[in-house]
């Protein structure tokens, strides 16, 4: 999406939906055989699996926003259908950015294949006073050698500070 919009020289902080798909499939591969072995009537629940998958995808698609930082702007990207989004905020219009986590959806993520509890988010406050909150469930904190993505929330925080954008980083 960035290349289509002709954005150059950016650092991408990706919150990939493929991470959700991996956990979802892994959960199904473990839960279904164990469930069938210990509780054979679970086979009757197969007819609900497509609906369950659609709901799980919609939640994951909505909550996996990615970000790009350039010398002059901050981009929010969600390539997931039906939540496609491409939003640009010039650096001079950003009052501050808050990087935090919410427990709002945590209980939905475990059964939907998103292990790990809370959902991370980035909230942008503009100089006009508008606030925009973007969930980024697949974008994690820096775990040194165990990151699922190359860029993390820690490196996003550091990059924004280098661009002189005020950032609140609310992780302990």
Protein backbone atom coordinates (compact mmCIF):
# COMPACT_ATOMS: atom_id res chain seq x y z
CA UNK A 1 0.00 0.00 0.00
CA UNK A 2 2.90 2.35 0.74
CA UNK A 3 4.48 1.77 -2.65
CA UNK A 4 1.15 2.31 -4.42
CA UNK A 5 0.89 5.69 -2.64
CA UNK A 6 4.52 6.39 -3.66
CA UNK A 7 5.80 6.66 -0.10
CA UNK A 8 9.59 6.31 -0.02
CA UNK A 9 12.23 5.92 2.70
CA UNK A 10 9.98 4.52 5.38
CA UNK A 11 10.38 2.19 8.33
CA UNK A 12 7.52 -0.30 8.53
CA UNK A 13 6.18 -1.60 11.84
CA UNK A 14 4.06 -4.50 10.71
CA UNK A 15 1.28 -6.12 12.69
CA UNK A 16 0.78 -9.16 10.44
CA UNK A 17 -2.46 -11.11 10.36
CA UNK A 18 -0.40 -14.19 9.41
CA UNK A 19 0.69 -14.33 13.06
CA UNK A 20 -2.97 -14.68 14.09
CA UNK A 21 -3.55 -17.33 11.41
CA UNK A 22 -0.57 -19.36 12.67
CA UNK A 23 -1.88 -19.33 16.26
CA UNK A 24 -5.44 -20.07 15.10
CA UNK A 25 -4.38 -23.11 13.07
CA UNK A 26 -2.05 -24.30 15.85
CA UNK A 27 -4.90 -24.05 18.36
CA UNK A 28 -7.23 -26.00 16.08
CA UNK A 29 -4.60 -28.69 15.52
CA UNK A 30 -4.24 -29.17 19.27
CA UNK A 31 -7.75 -28.52 20.59
CA UNK A 32 -9.76 -30.52 18.05
CA UNK A 33 -7.88 -33.85 18.34
CA UNK A 34 -7.71 -33.58 22.12
CA UNK A 35 -11.39 -32.65 22.25
CA UNK A 36 -12.44 -35.53 20.00
CA UNK A 37 -10.40 -37.99 22.06
CA UNK A 38 -11.75 -36.85 25.43
CA UNK A 39 -15.21 -35.72 24.36
CA UNK A 40 -16.39 -37.44 21.12
CA UNK A 41 -19.60 -35.33 20.76
CA UNK A 42 -17.32 -32.40 19.83
CA UNK A 43 -17.57 -33.72 16.26
CA UNK A 44 -21.09 -32.21 16.19
CA UNK A 45 -19.53 -28.74 16.61
CA UNK A 46 -17.77 -28.91 13.20
CA UNK A 47 -20.70 -27.13 11.54
CA UNK A 48 -19.96 -24.03 13.64
CA UNK A 49 -16.28 -23.88 12.67
CA UNK A 50 -16.72 -21.73 9.50
CA UNK A 51 -18.72 -19.11 11.41
CA UNK A 52 -16.20 -19.19 14.24
CA UNK A 53 -13.38 -18.67 11.73
CA UNK A 54 -15.15 -15.69 10.10
CA UNK A 55 -15.74 -13.99 13.47
CA UNK A 56 -12.14 -14.70 14.50
CA UNK A 57 -10.82 -13.27 11.21
CA UNK A 58 -12.94 -10.11 11.56
CA UNK A 59 -11.60 -9.49 15.06
CA UNK A 60 -8.02 -10.17 13.98
CA UNK A 61 -8.37 -8.10 10.80
CA UNK A 62 -9.69 -5.13 12.73
CA UNK A 63 -7.00 -5.33 15.40
CA UNK A 64 -3.91 -5.73 13.18
CA UNK A 65 -2.98 -2.22 12.06
CA UNK A 66 0.56 -1.55 10.86
CA UNK A 67 2.52 1.70 10.96
CA UNK A 68 5.15 3.41 8.84
CA UNK A 69 7.38 6.32 9.82
CA UNK A 70 9.06 8.67 7.36
CA UNK A 71 11.00 11.90 7.85
CA UNK A 72 7.80 13.91 7.34
CA UNK A 73 4.89 11.73 8.41
CA UNK A 74 3.31 8.87 10.28
CA UNK A 75 1.19 6.33 8.39
CA UNK A 76 -1.42 3.89 9.64
CA UNK A 77 -2.07 0.95 7.34
CA UNK A 78 -4.55 -1.90 7.57
CA UNK A 79 -4.44 -4.09 4.45
CA UNK A 80 -6.98 -6.60 5.82
CA UNK A 81 -10.35 -6.85 4.09
CA UNK A 82 -12.92 -5.35 4.99
CA UNK A 83 -10.97 -2.94 7.22
CA UNK A 84 -8.60 -1.57 4.57
CA UNK A 85 -7.16 1.71 5.76
CA UNK A 86 -4.41 4.10 4.74
CA UNK A 87 -4.12 7.21 6.90
CA UNK A 88 -1.34 9.79 6.83
CA UNK A 89 -0.56 12.30 9.58
CA UNK A 90 2.17 14.86 8.88
CA UNK A 91 4.62 15.15 11.77
CA UNK A 92 3.80 18.83 12.34
CA UNK A 93 0.11 17.98 12.95
CA UNK A 94 0.84 15.36 15.65
CA UNK A 95 0.56 16.65 19.20
CA UNK A 96 1.61 13.33 20.74
CA UNK A 97 1.47 9.58 20.28
CA UNK A 98 0.65 7.13 23.05
CA UNK A 99 1.75 3.49 22.85
CA UNK A 100 -0.04 1.33 25.38
CA UNK A 101 -2.08 -1.83 25.81
CA UNK A 102 -5.71 -2.43 26.55
CA UNK A 103 -7.52 -5.27 28.22
CA UNK A 104 -10.70 -4.47 26.28
CA UNK A 105 -10.45 -7.38 23.85
CA UNK A 106 -8.09 -9.71 25.73
CA UNK A 107 -10.79 -12.28 26.48
CA UNK A 108 -11.67 -12.51 22.78
CA UNK A 109 -8.12 -13.17 21.63
CA UNK A 110 -7.45 -16.39 23.51
CA UNK A 111 -10.29 -18.39 21.96
CA UNK A 112 -9.66 -16.72 18.61
CA UNK A 113 -6.04 -17.83 18.52
CA UNK A 114 -4.36 -14.63 19.73
CA UNK A 115 -2.42 -15.82 22.75
CA UNK A 116 -0.74 -13.42 25.12
CA UNK A 117 -3.45 -11.42 26.84
CA UNK A 118 -3.74 -7.69 26.20
CA UNK A 119 -3.91 -5.96 22.85
CA UNK A 120 -1.35 -3.25 22.06
CA UNK A 121 -2.46 0.03 20.52
CA UNK A 122 -1.14 3.33 19.21
CA UNK A 123 -3.19 6.46 19.89
CA UNK A 124 -2.50 9.60 17.89
CA UNK A 125 -3.55 13.01 19.23
CA UNK A 126 -3.46 15.81 16.64
CA UNK A 127 -2.93 19.51 17.31
CA UNK A 128 -6.65 19.97 16.52
CA UNK A 129 -7.45 17.77 19.53
CA UNK A 130 -8.63 14.72 17.59
CA UNK A 131 -7.73 11.28 18.94
CA UNK A 132 -7.39 8.19 16.82
CA UNK A 133 -6.73 4.80 18.41
CA UNK A 134 -5.37 1.92 16.34
CA UNK A 135 -5.05 -1.62 17.69
CA UNK A 136 -1.91 -3.52 16.71
CA UNK A 137 -2.29 -6.99 18.20
CA UNK A 138 0.51 -8.57 16.18
CA UNK A 139 3.09 -5.86 16.92
CA UNK A 140 4.92 -6.81 20.10
CA UNK A 141 7.36 -5.33 22.55
CA UNK A 142 11.03 -6.07 22.03
CA UNK A 143 11.73 -9.61 23.23
CA UNK A 144 15.36 -9.54 22.04
CA UNK A 145 15.74 -12.85 20.19
CA UNK A 146 12.11 -13.97 20.21
CA UNK A 147 10.35 -11.29 18.16
CA UNK A 148 7.77 -12.35 15.60
CA UNK A 149 8.33 -9.15 13.60
CA UNK A 150 11.56 -7.38 12.69
CA UNK A 151 10.41 -4.01 14.02
CA UNK A 152 8.75 -3.77 17.44
CA UNK A 153 6.86 -1.25 19.58
CA UNK A 154 10.16 -0.39 21.28
CA UNK A 155 11.81 0.53 17.98
CA UNK A 156 8.69 2.50 16.95
CA UNK A 157 8.96 4.46 20.20
CA UNK A 158 12.67 5.16 19.61
CA UNK A 159 12.11 6.17 16.00
CA UNK A 160 9.31 8.61 16.90
CA UNK A 161 11.50 10.19 19.61
CA UNK A 162 14.29 10.69 17.04
CA UNK A 163 11.74 12.53 14.85
CA UNK A 164 10.95 14.84 17.83
CA UNK A 165 7.39 13.56 18.16
CA UNK A 166 6.26 13.45 21.81
CA UNK A 167 5.61 9.82 22.74
CA UNK A 168 4.09 8.25 25.85
CA UNK A 169 5.28 4.68 26.16
CA UNK A 170 3.16 3.09 28.88
CA UNK A 171 4.80 -0.28 29.34
CA UNK A 172 6.74 -1.21 32.43
